[in-house]
C-alpha cells in the first residue's frame, strides 16, 4: 500500500465487513459495534447473516465502494475477493480472518498481488 492510501486505512469514509465470516457471532457483533462510529456507509458483503448497522451488499453493486474492507474469510477466496474489491475502488484491505498466520504461502502471495 502506498502512503496515499493510509487515510483510507486510518480514517475511512466507508467500511465493509467482507466474508464469509469465520468469526464467532459474538466477535462479529463486537467488531461491528466498534466500527459503528464510522461516519459513512457501512456494508456487510457476503457475511450471510444480518449485521447490526451494516447494509447487506455485494462487491460490484452500484455505489458499493468501501474505502476500507475488513476481510473475514478464508484463504481460498482471499485473492479473488481482494481483486474484486480493488476493481470496485477499495483502497485498503485488512485481513482479520482467524488463523491467518496459518495460511499457505501461495494464498498470501496471491492475495498481496491482488491488492497491488
PDB file of N, CA and C in Angstrom:
ATOM      1  N   UNK A   1       0.854  -1.169   0.000  1.00  0.00           N
ATOM      2  CA  UNK A   1       0.000   0.000   0.000  1.00  0.00           C
ATOM      3  C   UNK A   1       0.897   1.228   0.000  1.00  0.00           C
ATOM      4  N   UNK A   2       0.545   2.191  -0.819  1.00  0.00           N
ATOM      5  CA  UNK A   2       1.305   3.429  -0.840  1.00  0.00           C
ATOM      6  C   UNK A   2       0.822   4.341   0.280  1.00  0.00           C
ATOM      7  N   UNK A   3       1.609   5.352   0.565  1.00  0.00           N
ATOM      8  CA  UNK A   3       1.237   6.306   1.606  1.00  0.00           C
ATOM      9  C   UNK A   3      -0.049   7.066   1.244  1.00  0.00           C
ATOM     10  N   UNK A   4      -0.359   7.134  -0.038  1.00  0.00           N
ATOM     11  CA  UNK A   4      -1.568   7.826  -0.480  1.00  0.00           C
ATOM     12  C   UNK A   4      -2.845   7.168   0.039  1.00  0.00           C
ATOM     13  N   UNK A   5      -2.769   5.888   0.378  1.00  0.00           N
ATOM     14  CA  UNK A   5      -3.957   5.160   0.829  1.00  0.00           C
ATOM     15  C   UNK A   5      -4.064   5.032   2.340  1.00  0.00           C
ATOM     16  N   UNK A   6      -3.145   5.613   3.082  1.00  0.00           N
ATOM     17  CA  UNK A   6      -3.187   5.485   4.535  1.00  0.00           C
ATOM     18  C   UNK A   6      -4.428   6.131   5.142  1.00  0.00           C
ATOM     19  N   UNK A   7      -4.930   7.192   4.536  1.00  0.00           N
ATOM     20  CA  UNK A   7      -6.147   7.803   5.066  1.00  0.00           C
ATOM     21  C   UNK A   7      -7.331   6.831   4.985  1.00  0.00           C
ATOM     22  N   UNK A   8      -7.368   5.993   3.966  1.00  0.00           N
ATOM     23  CA  UNK A   8      -8.440   5.005   3.855  1.00  0.00           C
ATOM     24  C   UNK A   8      -8.342   3.953   4.960  1.00  0.00           C
ATOM     25  N   UNK A   9      -7.140   3.707   5.425  1.00  0.00           N
ATOM     26  CA  UNK A   9      -6.937   2.739   6.495  1.00  0.00           C
ATOM     27  C   UNK A   9      -7.253   3.334   7.861  1.00  0.00           C
ATOM     28  N   UNK A  10      -6.776   4.551   8.111  1.00  0.00           N
ATOM     29  CA  UNK A  10      -6.909   5.135   9.441  1.00  0.00           C
ATOM     30  C   UNK A  10      -8.120   6.051   9.623  1.00  0.00           C
ATOM     31  N   UNK A  11      -8.639   6.606   8.533  1.00  0.00           N
ATOM     32  CA  UNK A  11      -9.832   7.452   8.586  1.00  0.00           C
ATOM     33  C   UNK A  11     -10.747   7.148   7.404  1.00  0.00           C
ATOM     34  N   UNK A  12     -11.276   5.933   7.370  1.00  0.00           N
ATOM     35  CA  UNK A  12     -12.105   5.569   6.209  1.00  0.00           C
ATOM     36  C   UNK A  12     -13.424   6.328   6.201  1.00  0.00           C
ATOM     37  N   UNK A  13     -13.858   6.675   5.006  1.00  0.00           N
ATOM     38  CA  UNK A  13     -15.162   7.298   4.852  1.00  0.00           C
ATOM     39  C   UNK A  13     -16.271   6.275   4.738  1.00  0.00           C
ATOM     40  N   UNK A  14     -15.896   5.032   4.442  1.00  0.00           N
ATOM     41  CA  UNK A  14     -16.855   3.925   4.355  1.00  0.00           C
ATOM     42  C   UNK A  14     -16.112   2.628   4.668  1.00  0.00           C
ATOM     43  N   UNK A  15     -16.857   1.670   5.219  1.00  0.00           N
ATOM     44  CA  UNK A  15     -16.251   0.420   5.679  1.00  0.00           C
ATOM     45  C   UNK A  15     -17.113  -0.760   5.237  1.00  0.00           C
ATOM     46  N   UNK A  16     -16.454  -1.870   4.940  1.00  0.00           N
ATOM     47  CA  UNK A  16     -17.177  -3.110   4.634  1.00  0.00           C
ATOM     48  C   UNK A  16     -16.582  -4.261   5.435  1.00  0.00           C
ATOM     49  N   UNK A  17     -17.455  -5.063   5.993  1.00  0.00           N
ATOM     50  CA  UNK A  17     -17.079  -6.351   6.554  1.00  0.00           C
ATOM     51  C   UNK A  17     -17.297  -7.354   5.439  1.00  0.00           C
ATOM     52  N   UNK A  18     -16.255  -8.091   5.075  1.00  0.00           N
ATOM     53  CA  UNK A  18     -16.328  -8.967   3.907  1.00  0.00           C
ATOM     54  C   UNK A  18     -16.094 -10.410   4.340  1.00  0.00           C
ATOM     55  N   UNK A  19     -17.008 -11.274   3.978  1.00  0.00           N
ATOM     56  CA  UNK A  19     -16.931 -12.673   4.380  1.00  0.00           C
ATOM     57  C   UNK A  19     -16.793 -13.597   3.208  1.00  0.00           C
ATOM     58  N   UNK A  20     -17.087 -14.835   3.437  1.00  0.00           N
ATOM     59  CA  UNK A  20     -17.887 -15.325   4.555  1.00  0.00           C
ATOM     60  C   UNK A  20     -17.105 -15.242   5.865  1.00  0.00           C
ATOM     61  N   UNK A  21     -17.784 -14.799   6.884  1.00  0.00           N
ATOM     62  CA  UNK A  21     -17.152 -14.587   8.180  1.00  0.00           C
ATOM     63  C   UNK A  21     -16.806 -15.901   8.848  1.00  0.00           C
ATOM     64  N   UNK A  22     -15.589 -15.968   9.357  1.00  0.00           N
ATOM     65  CA  UNK A  22     -15.151 -17.121  10.139  1.00  0.00           C
ATOM     66  C   UNK A  22     -15.123 -16.780  11.629  1.00  0.00           C
ATOM     67  N   UNK A  23     -15.621 -15.587  11.966  1.00  0.00           N
ATOM     68  CA  UNK A  23     -15.661 -15.161  13.365  1.00  0.00           C
ATOM     69  C   UNK A  23     -16.906 -15.710  14.049  1.00  0.00           C
ATOM     70  N   UNK A  24     -16.802 -15.945  15.330  1.00  0.00           N
ATOM     71  CA  UNK A  24     -17.976 -16.311  16.121  1.00  0.00           C
ATOM     72  C   UNK A  24     -18.933 -15.127  16.107  1.00  0.00           C
ATOM     73  N   UNK A  25     -20.242 -15.394  16.219  1.00  0.00           N
ATOM     74  CA  UNK A  25     -21.241 -14.329  16.151  1.00  0.00           C
ATOM     75  C   UNK A  25     -20.965 -13.212  17.148  1.00  0.00           C
ATOM     76  N   UNK A  26     -20.561 -13.536  18.355  1.00  0.00           N
ATOM     77  CA  UNK A  26     -20.277 -12.520  19.362  1.00  0.00           C
ATOM     78  C   UNK A  26     -19.127 -11.622  18.971  1.00  0.00           C
ATOM     79  N   UNK A  27     -18.101 -12.190  18.370  1.00  0.00           N
ATOM     80  CA  UNK A  27     -16.942 -11.390  17.933  1.00  0.00           C
ATOM     81  C   UNK A  27     -17.297 -10.527  16.722  1.00  0.00           C
ATOM     82  N   UNK A  28     -18.109 -11.069  15.832  1.00  0.00           N
ATOM     83  CA  UNK A  28     -18.560 -10.291  14.679  1.00  0.00           C
ATOM     84  C   UNK A  28     -19.400  -9.104  15.153  1.00  0.00           C
ATOM     85  N   UNK A  29     -20.283  -9.332  16.113  1.00  0.00           N
ATOM     86  CA  UNK A  29     -21.106  -8.250  16.658  1.00  0.00           C
ATOM     87  C   UNK A  29     -20.249  -7.201  17.343  1.00  0.00           C
ATOM     88  N   UNK A  30     -19.221  -7.624  18.073  1.00  0.00           N
ATOM     89  CA  UNK A  30     -18.321  -6.676  18.743  1.00  0.00           C
ATOM     90  C   UNK A  30     -17.558  -5.844  17.720  1.00  0.00           C
ATOM     91  N   UNK A  31     -17.061  -6.479  16.673  1.00  0.00           N
ATOM     92  CA  UNK A  31     -16.354  -5.763  15.618  1.00  0.00           C
ATOM     93  C   UNK A  31     -17.285  -4.752  14.953  1.00  0.00           C
ATOM     94  N   UNK A  32     -18.497  -5.158  14.626  1.00  0.00           N
ATOM     95  CA  UNK A  32     -19.473  -4.258  14.007  1.00  0.00           C
ATOM     96  C   UNK A  32     -19.777  -3.082  14.921  1.00  0.00           C
ATOM     97  N   UNK A  33     -19.899  -3.345  16.209  1.00  0.00           N
ATOM     98  CA  UNK A  33     -20.164  -2.279  17.170  1.00  0.00           C
ATOM     99  C   UNK A  33     -19.018  -1.278  17.198  1.00  0.00           C
ATOM    100  N   UNK A  34     -17.797  -1.767  17.184  1.00  0.00           N
ATOM    101  CA  UNK A  34     -16.622  -0.876  17.229  1.00  0.00           C
ATOM    102  C   UNK A  34     -16.526  -0.014  15.968  1.00  0.00           C
ATOM    103  N   UNK A  35     -17.032  -0.525  14.869  1.00  0.00           N
ATOM    104  CA  UNK A  35     -16.980   0.217  13.605  1.00  0.00           C
ATOM    105  C   UNK A  35     -18.183   1.126  13.400  1.00  0.00           C
ATOM    106  N   UNK A  36     -19.121   1.098  14.322  1.00  0.00           N
ATOM    107  CA  UNK A  36     -20.349   1.876  14.153  1.00  0.00           C
ATOM    108  C   UNK A  36     -20.103   3.382  14.187  1.00  0.00           C
ATOM    109  N   UNK A  37     -18.950   3.808  14.674  1.00  0.00           N
ATOM    110  CA  UNK A  37     -18.639   5.237  14.705  1.00  0.00           C
ATOM    111  C   UNK A  37     -18.209   5.768  13.341  1.00  0.00           C
ATOM    112  N   UNK A  38     -17.975   4.877  12.383  1.00  0.00           N
ATOM    113  CA  UNK A  38     -17.609   5.317  11.044  1.00  0.00           C
ATOM    114  C   UNK A  38     -18.755   6.143  10.472  1.00  0.00           C
ATOM    115  N   UNK A  39     -18.437   7.349  10.040  1.00  0.00           N
ATOM    116  CA  UNK A  39     -19.481   8.289   9.636  1.00  0.00           C
ATOM    117  C   UNK A  39     -20.178   7.887   8.339  1.00  0.00           C
ATOM    118  N   UNK A  40     -19.449   7.296   7.433  1.00  0.00           N
ATOM    119  CA  UNK A  40     -20.017   6.997   6.125  1.00  0.00           C
ATOM    120  C   UNK A  40     -20.750   5.675   6.076  1.00  0.00           C
ATOM    121  N   UNK A  41     -21.011   5.201   4.871  1.00  0.00           N
ATOM    122  CA  UNK A  41     -21.735   3.937   4.689  1.00  0.00           C
ATOM    123  C   UNK A  41     -20.951   2.757   5.261  1.00  0.00           C
ATOM    124  N   UNK A  42     -21.716   1.758   5.706  1.00  0.00           N
ATOM    125  CA  UNK A  42     -21.142   0.519   6.222  1.00  0.00           C
ATOM    126  C   UNK A  42     -21.883  -0.634   5.557  1.00  0.00           C
ATOM    127  N   UNK A  43     -21.114  -1.551   4.967  1.00  0.00           N
ATOM    128  CA  UNK A  43     -21.709  -2.674   4.261  1.00  0.00           C
ATOM    129  C   UNK A  43     -21.244  -3.998   4.844  1.00  0.00           C
ATOM    130  N   UNK A  44     -22.100  -4.995   4.782  1.00  0.00           N
ATOM    131  CA  UNK A  44     -21.766  -6.390   5.088  1.00  0.00           C
ATOM    132  C   UNK A  44     -21.824  -7.140   3.766  1.00  0.00           C
ATOM    133  N   UNK A  45     -20.674  -7.574   3.304  1.00  0.00           N
ATOM    134  CA  UNK A  45     -20.571  -8.215   2.000  1.00  0.00           C
ATOM    135  C   UNK A  45     -20.273  -9.694   2.187  1.00  0.00           C
ATOM    136  N   UNK A  46     -21.211 -10.520   1.779  1.00  0.00           N
ATOM    137  CA  UNK A  46     -21.008 -11.957   1.843  1.00  0.00           C
ATOM    138  C   UNK A  46     -20.958 -12.535   3.245  1.00  0.00           C
ATOM    139  N   UNK A  47     -21.513 -11.830   4.210  1.00  0.00           N
ATOM    140  CA  UNK A  47     -21.476 -12.302   5.598  1.00  0.00           C
ATOM    141  C   UNK A  47     -22.488 -13.422   5.816  1.00  0.00           C
ATOM    142  N   UNK A  48     -23.629 -13.354   5.199  1.00  0.00           N
ATOM    143  CA  UNK A  48     -24.615 -14.424   5.304  1.00  0.00           C
ATOM    144  C   UNK A  48     -25.655 -14.217   6.382  1.00  0.00           C
ATOM    145  N   UNK A  49     -25.412 -13.330   7.307  1.00  0.00           N
ATOM    146  CA  UNK A  49     -26.409 -13.040   8.338  1.00  0.00           C
ATOM    147  C   UNK A  49     -26.436 -11.526   8.552  1.00  0.00           C
ATOM    148  N   UNK A  50     -27.487 -11.057   9.168  1.00  0.00           N
ATOM    149  CA  UNK A  50     -27.621  -9.623   9.406  1.00  0.00           C
ATOM    150  C   UNK A  50     -26.558  -9.152  10.395  1.00  0.00           C
ATOM    151  N   UNK A  51     -25.991  -8.003  10.112  1.00  0.00           N
ATOM    152  CA  UNK A  51     -25.009  -7.379  11.000  1.00  0.00           C
ATOM    153  C   UNK A  51     -25.557  -6.003  11.344  1.00  0.00           C
ATOM    154  N   UNK A  52     -25.792  -5.762  12.628  1.00  0.00           N
ATOM    155  CA  UNK A  52     -26.384  -4.500  13.074  1.00  0.00           C
ATOM    156  C   UNK A  52     -25.563  -3.309  12.595  1.00  0.00           C
ATOM    157  N   UNK A  53     -26.235  -2.364  11.941  1.00  0.00           N
ATOM    158  CA  UNK A  53     -25.594  -1.145  11.474  1.00  0.00           C
ATOM    159  C   UNK A  53     -24.912  -1.267  10.125  1.00  0.00           C
ATOM    160  N   UNK A  54     -24.974  -2.435   9.495  1.00  0.00           N
ATOM    161  CA  UNK A  54     -24.333  -2.665   8.206  1.00  0.00           C
ATOM    162  C   UNK A  54     -25.366  -3.115   7.195  1.00  0.00           C
ATOM    163  N   UNK A  55     -25.352  -2.486   6.035  1.00  0.00           N
ATOM    164  CA  UNK A  55     -26.294  -2.812   4.968  1.00  0.00           C
ATOM    165  C   UNK A  55     -25.761  -3.999   4.155  1.00  0.00           C
ATOM    166  N   UNK A  56     -26.564  -5.020   3.941  1.00  0.00           N
ATOM    167  CA  UNK A  56     -26.111  -6.136   3.104  1.00  0.00           C
ATOM    168  C   UNK A  56     -25.825  -5.650   1.687  1.00  0.00           C
ATOM    169  N   UNK A  57     -24.743  -6.135   1.103  1.00  0.00           N
ATOM    170  CA  UNK A  57     -24.363  -5.703  -0.243  1.00  0.00           C
ATOM    171  C   UNK A  57     -23.488  -6.772  -0.881  1.00  0.00           C
ATOM    172  N   UNK A  58     -23.166  -6.532  -2.151  1.00  0.00           N
ATOM    173  CA  UNK A  58     -22.225  -7.373  -2.886  1.00  0.00           C
ATOM    174  C   UNK A  58     -21.201  -6.480  -3.545  1.00  0.00           C
ATOM    175  N   UNK A  59     -19.999  -6.986  -3.702  1.00  0.00           N
ATOM    176  CA  UNK A  59     -18.977  -6.242  -4.431  1.00  0.00           C
ATOM    177  C   UNK A  59     -19.489  -6.040  -5.845  1.00  0.00           C
ATOM    178  N   UNK A  60     -19.398  -4.837  -6.321  1.00  0.00           N
ATOM    179  CA  UNK A  60     -19.873  -4.527  -7.660  1.00  0.00           C
ATOM    180  C   UNK A  60     -21.266  -3.933  -7.698  1.00  0.00           C
ATOM    181  N   UNK A  61     -21.997  -3.993  -6.570  1.00  0.00           N
ATOM    182  CA  UNK A  61     -23.292  -3.318  -6.517  1.00  0.00           C
ATOM    183  C   UNK A  61     -23.081  -1.820  -6.737  1.00  0.00           C
ATOM    184  N   UNK A  62     -24.018  -1.149  -7.414  1.00  0.00           N
ATOM    185  CA  UNK A  62     -23.882   0.291  -7.620  1.00  0.00           C
ATOM    186  C   UNK A  62     -23.721   1.031  -6.282  1.00  0.00           C
ATOM    187  N   UNK A  63     -22.725   1.883  -6.223  1.00  0.00           N
ATOM    188  CA  UNK A  63     -22.492   2.696  -5.030  1.00  0.00           C
ATOM    189  C   UNK A  63     -21.731   2.005  -3.919  1.00  0.00           C
ATOM    190  N   UNK A  64     -21.437   0.716  -4.058  1.00  0.00           N
ATOM    191  CA  UNK A  64     -20.694  -0.005  -3.015  1.00  0.00           C
ATOM    192  C   UNK A  64     -19.210   0.091  -3.339  1.00  0.00           C
ATOM    193  N   UNK A  65     -18.550   1.017  -2.652  1.00  0.00           N
ATOM    194  CA  UNK A  65     -17.126   1.271  -2.849  1.00  0.00           C
ATOM    195  C   UNK A  65     -16.510   1.610  -1.489  1.00  0.00           C
ATOM    196  N   UNK A  66     -16.264   0.609  -0.662  1.00  0.00           N
ATOM    197  CA  UNK A  66     -15.712   0.904   0.652  1.00  0.00           C
ATOM    198  C   UNK A  66     -14.269   1.401   0.567  1.00  0.00           C
ATOM    199  N   UNK A  67     -13.946   2.398   1.375  1.00  0.00           N
ATOM    200  CA  UNK A  67     -12.550   2.821   1.488  1.00  0.00           C
ATOM    201  C   UNK A  67     -11.730   1.715   2.143  1.00  0.00           C
ATOM    202  N   UNK A  68     -12.302   1.124   3.194  1.00  0.00           N
ATOM    203  CA  UNK A  68     -11.636   0.087   3.966  1.00  0.00           C
ATOM    204  C   UNK A  68     -12.505  -1.164   3.990  1.00  0.00           C
ATOM    205  N   UNK A  69     -11.911  -2.304   3.680  1.00  0.00           N
ATOM    206  CA  UNK A  69     -12.596  -3.595   3.781  1.00  0.00           C
ATOM    207  C   UNK A  69     -11.871  -4.445   4.807  1.00  0.00           C
ATOM    208  N   UNK A  70     -12.633  -5.046   5.699  1.00  0.00           N
ATOM    209  CA  UNK A  70     -12.084  -5.974   6.675  1.00  0.00           C
ATOM    210  C   UNK A  70     -12.450  -7.372   6.209  1.00  0.00           C
ATOM    211  N   UNK A  71     -11.458  -8.119   5.748  1.00  0.00           N
ATOM    212  CA  UNK A  71     -11.686  -9.449   5.190  1.00  0.00           C
ATOM    213  C   UNK A  71     -11.724 -10.478   6.308  1.00  0.00           C
ATOM    214  N   UNK A  72     -12.831 -11.193   6.408  1.00  0.00           N
ATOM    215  CA  UNK A  72     -13.050 -12.151   7.486  1.00  0.00           C
ATOM    216  C   UNK A  72     -13.082 -13.597   6.999  1.00  0.00           C
ATOM    217  N   UNK A  73     -12.883 -13.803   5.702  1.00  0.00           N
ATOM    218  CA  UNK A  73     -12.992 -15.133   5.113  1.00  0.00           C
ATOM    219  C   UNK A  73     -11.700 -15.914   5.173  1.00  0.00           C
ATOM    220  N   UNK A  74     -11.692 -17.036   4.472  1.00  0.00           N
ATOM    221  CA  UNK A  74     -10.540 -17.924   4.468  1.00  0.00           C
ATOM    222  C   UNK A  74      -9.608 -17.677   3.294  1.00  0.00           C
ATOM    223  N   UNK A  75      -8.508 -18.411   3.256  1.00  0.00           N
ATOM    224  CA  UNK A  75      -7.505 -18.214   2.215  1.00  0.00           C
ATOM    225  C   UNK A  75      -7.979 -18.601   0.825  1.00  0.00           C
ATOM    226  N   UNK A  76      -8.953 -19.505   0.744  1.00  0.00           N
ATOM    227  CA  UNK A  76      -9.385 -19.997  -0.561  1.00  0.00           C
ATOM    228  C   UNK A  76     -10.059 -18.932  -1.421  1.00  0.00           C
ATOM    229  N   UNK A  77     -10.639 -17.909  -0.840  1.00  0.00           N
ATOM    230  CA  UNK A  77     -11.313 -16.862  -1.621  1.00  0.00           C
ATOM    231  C   UNK A  77     -10.657 -15.489  -1.467  1.00  0.00           C
ATOM    232  N   UNK A  78      -9.581 -15.410  -0.718  1.00  0.00           N
ATOM    233  CA  UNK A  78      -8.986 -14.108  -0.392  1.00  0.00           C
ATOM    234  C   UNK A  78      -8.508 -13.349  -1.625  1.00  0.00           C
ATOM    235  N   UNK A  79      -7.719 -13.986  -2.486  1.00  0.00           N
ATOM    236  CA  UNK A  79      -7.159 -13.276  -3.637  1.00  0.00           C
ATOM    237  C   UNK A  79      -8.248 -12.761  -4.576  1.00  0.00           C
ATOM    238  N   UNK A  80      -9.236 -13.596  -4.873  1.00  0.00           N
ATOM    239  CA  UNK A  80     -10.318 -13.169  -5.767  1.00  0.00           C
ATOM    240  C   UNK A  80     -11.142 -12.056  -5.136  1.00  0.00           C
ATOM    241  N   UNK A  81     -11.358 -12.126  -3.832  1.00  0.00           N
ATOM    242  CA  UNK A  81     -12.138 -11.102  -3.144  1.00  0.00           C
ATOM    243  C   UNK A  81     -11.394  -9.784  -3.133  1.00  0.00           C
ATOM    244  N   UNK A  82     -10.104  -9.818  -2.833  1.00  0.00           N
ATOM    245  CA  UNK A  82      -9.300  -8.589  -2.812  1.00  0.00           C
ATOM    246  C   UNK A  82      -9.236  -7.980  -4.214  1.00  0.00           C
ATOM    247  N   UNK A  83      -9.098  -8.809  -5.234  1.00  0.00           N
ATOM    248  CA  UNK A  83      -9.079  -8.297  -6.612  1.00  0.00           C
ATOM    249  C   UNK A  83     -10.402  -7.611  -6.959  1.00  0.00           C
ATOM    250  N   UNK A  84     -11.523  -8.216  -6.571  1.00  0.00           N
ATOM    251  CA  UNK A  84     -12.829  -7.612  -6.847  1.00  0.00           C
ATOM    252  C   UNK A  84     -13.000  -6.309  -6.084  1.00  0.00           C
ATOM    253  N   UNK A  85     -12.533  -6.275  -4.833  1.00  0.00           N
ATOM    254  CA  UNK A  85     -12.614  -5.034  -4.055  1.00  0.00           C
ATOM    255  C   UNK A  85     -11.763  -3.938  -4.682  1.00  0.00           C
ATOM    256  N   UNK A  86     -10.564  -4.288  -5.120  1.00  0.00           N
ATOM    257  CA  UNK A  86      -9.694  -3.305  -5.770  1.00  0.00           C
ATOM    258  C   UNK A  86     -10.337  -2.765  -7.038  1.00  0.00           C
ATOM    259  N   UNK A  87     -10.936  -3.645  -7.808  1.00  0.00           N
ATOM    260  CA  UNK A  87     -11.630  -3.235  -9.038  1.00  0.00           C
ATOM    261  C   UNK A  87     -12.772  -2.269  -8.730  1.00  0.00           C
ATOM    262  N   UNK A  88     -13.421  -2.466  -7.591  1.00  0.00           N
ATOM    263  CA  UNK A  88     -14.535  -1.605  -7.190  1.00  0.00           C
ATOM    264  C   UNK A  88     -14.060  -0.275  -6.607  1.00  0.00           C
ATOM    265  N   UNK A  89     -12.756  -0.155  -6.326  1.00  0.00           N
ATOM    266  CA  UNK A  89     -12.222   1.108  -5.823  1.00  0.00           C
ATOM    267  C   UNK A  89     -11.823   1.114  -4.360  1.00  0.00           C
ATOM    268  N   UNK A  90     -11.856  -0.028  -3.707  1.00  0.00           N
ATOM    269  CA  UNK A  90     -11.429  -0.108  -2.310  1.00  0.00           C
ATOM    270  C   UNK A  90      -9.939   0.193  -2.237  1.00  0.00           C
ATOM    271  N   UNK A  91      -9.570   1.004  -1.250  1.00  0.00           N
ATOM    272  CA  UNK A  91      -8.183   1.461  -1.154  1.00  0.00           C
ATOM    273  C   UNK A  91      -7.373   0.768  -0.070  1.00  0.00           C
ATOM    274  N   UNK A  92      -8.011   0.062   0.858  1.00  0.00           N
ATOM    275  CA  UNK A  92      -7.288  -0.648   1.911  1.00  0.00           C
ATOM    276  C   UNK A  92      -8.083  -1.876   2.330  1.00  0.00           C
ATOM    277  N   UNK A  93      -7.380  -2.978   2.519  1.00  0.00           N
ATOM    278  CA  UNK A  93      -7.992  -4.223   2.987  1.00  0.00           C
ATOM    279  C   UNK A  93      -7.150  -4.740   4.148  1.00  0.00           C
ATOM    280  N   UNK A  94      -7.831  -5.117   5.218  1.00  0.00           N
ATOM    281  CA  UNK A  94      -7.172  -5.717   6.373  1.00  0.00           C
ATOM    282  C   UNK A  94      -7.732  -7.124   6.533  1.00  0.00           C
ATOM    283  N   UNK A  95      -6.837  -8.109   6.617  1.00  0.00           N
ATOM    284  CA  UNK A  95      -7.264  -9.498   6.828  1.00  0.00           C
ATOM    285  C   UNK A  95      -7.386  -9.746   8.322  1.00  0.00           C
ATOM    286  N   UNK A  96      -8.613  -9.975   8.777  1.00  0.00           N
ATOM    287  CA  UNK A  96      -8.874 -10.296  10.178  1.00  0.00           C
ATOM    288  C   UNK A  96      -9.359 -11.729  10.317  1.00  0.00           C
ATOM    289  N   UNK A  97      -9.054 -12.533   9.343  1.00  0.00           N
ATOM    290  CA  UNK A  97      -9.510 -13.910   9.320  1.00  0.00           C
ATOM    291  C   UNK A  97      -8.819 -14.722  10.411  1.00  0.00           C
ATOM    292  N   UNK A  98      -9.599 -15.487  11.186  1.00  0.00           N
ATOM    293  CA  UNK A  98      -8.970 -16.371  12.166  1.00  0.00           C
ATOM    294  C   UNK A  98      -7.997 -17.324  11.479  1.00  0.00           C
ATOM    295  N   UNK A  99      -6.895 -17.602  12.104  1.00  0.00           N
ATOM    296  CA  UNK A  99      -5.849 -18.493  11.598  1.00  0.00           C
ATOM    297  C   UNK A  99      -5.142 -17.939  10.370  1.00  0.00           C
ATOM    298  N   UNK A 100      -5.150 -16.626  10.215  1.00  0.00           N
ATOM    299  CA  UNK A 100      -4.447 -16.004   9.088  1.00  0.00           C
ATOM    300  C   UNK A 100      -2.977 -16.415   9.089  1.00  0.00           C
ATOM    301  N   UNK A 101      -2.393 -16.541  10.272  1.00  0.00           N
ATOM    302  CA  UNK A 101      -0.984 -16.890  10.369  1.00  0.00           C
ATOM    303  C   UNK A 101      -0.684 -18.295   9.847  1.00  0.00           C
ATOM    304  N   UNK A 102      -1.696 -19.102   9.634  1.00  0.00           N
ATOM    305  CA  UNK A 102      -1.504 -20.457   9.129  1.00  0.00           C
ATOM    306  C   UNK A 102      -1.870 -20.590   7.647  1.00  0.00           C
ATOM    307  N   UNK A 103      -2.161 -19.485   6.980  1.00  0.00           N
ATOM    308  CA  UNK A 103      -2.494 -19.550   5.558  1.00  0.00           C
ATOM    309  C   UNK A 103      -1.287 -20.067   4.768  1.00  0.00           C
ATOM    310  N   UNK A 104      -1.537 -20.803   3.698  1.00  0.00           N
ATOM    311  CA  UNK A 104      -0.438 -21.231   2.832  1.00  0.00           C
ATOM    312  C   UNK A 104       0.253 -20.011   2.204  1.00  0.00           C
ATOM    313  N   UNK A 105       1.560 -20.118   2.045  1.00  0.00           N
ATOM    314  CA  UNK A 105       2.331 -19.009   1.459  1.00  0.00           C
ATOM    315  C   UNK A 105       1.789 -18.601   0.087  1.00  0.00           C
ATOM    316  N   UNK A 106       1.353 -19.564  -0.699  1.00  0.00           N
ATOM    317  CA  UNK A 106       0.822 -19.249  -2.034  1.00  0.00           C
ATOM    318  C   UNK A 106      -0.432 -18.382  -1.941  1.00  0.00           C
ATOM    319  N   UNK A 107      -1.289 -18.655  -0.968  1.00  0.00           N
ATOM    320  CA  UNK A 107      -2.511 -17.861  -0.793  1.00  0.00           C
ATOM    321  C   UNK A 107      -2.169 -16.441  -0.348  1.00  0.00           C
ATOM    322  N   UNK A 108      -1.201 -16.309   0.527  1.00  0.00           N
ATOM    323  CA  UNK A 108      -0.774 -14.974   0.979  1.00  0.00           C
ATOM    324  C   UNK A 108      -0.179 -14.197  -0.187  1.00  0.00           C
ATOM    325  N   UNK A 109       0.699 -14.829  -0.942  1.00  0.00           N
ATOM    326  CA  UNK A 109       1.328 -14.153  -2.094  1.00  0.00           C
ATOM    327  C   UNK A 109       0.300 -13.727  -3.119  1.00  0.00           C
ATOM    328  N   UNK A 110      -0.670 -14.598  -3.417  1.00  0.00           N
ATOM    329  CA  UNK A 110      -1.711 -14.269  -4.398  1.00  0.00           C
ATOM    330  C   UNK A 110      -2.597 -13.124  -3.901  1.00  0.00           C
ATOM    331  N   UNK A 111      -2.895 -13.109  -2.613  1.00  0.00           N
ATOM    332  CA  UNK A 111      -3.723 -12.052  -2.035  1.00  0.00           C
ATOM    333  C   UNK A 111      -2.988 -10.721  -2.063  1.00  0.00           C
ATOM    334  N   UNK A 112      -1.715 -10.722  -1.704  1.00  0.00           N
ATOM    335  CA  UNK A 112      -0.922  -9.492  -1.756  1.00  0.00           C
ATOM    336  C   UNK A 112      -0.802  -8.971  -3.182  1.00  0.00           C
ATOM    337  N   UNK A 113      -0.599  -9.871  -4.130  1.00  0.00           N
ATOM    338  CA  UNK A 113      -0.512  -9.468  -5.533  1.00  0.00           C
ATOM    339  C   UNK A 113      -1.830  -8.871  -6.022  1.00  0.00           C
ATOM    340  N   UNK A 114      -2.944  -9.434  -5.586  1.00  0.00           N
ATOM    341  CA  UNK A 114      -4.257  -8.916  -5.979  1.00  0.00           C
ATOM    342  C   UNK A 114      -4.480  -7.517  -5.417  1.00  0.00           C
ATOM    343  N   UNK A 115      -3.914  -7.242  -4.282  1.00  0.00           N
ATOM    344  CA  UNK A 115      -4.064  -5.923  -3.662  1.00  0.00           C
ATOM    345  C   UNK A 115      -3.228  -4.841  -4.309  1.00  0.00           C
ATOM    346  N   UNK A 116      -2.238  -5.233  -5.042  1.00  0.00           N
ATOM    347  CA  UNK A 116      -1.387  -4.219  -5.685  1.00  0.00           C
ATOM    348  C   UNK A 116      -2.079  -3.668  -6.887  1.00  0.00           C
TER     349      UNK A 116
END
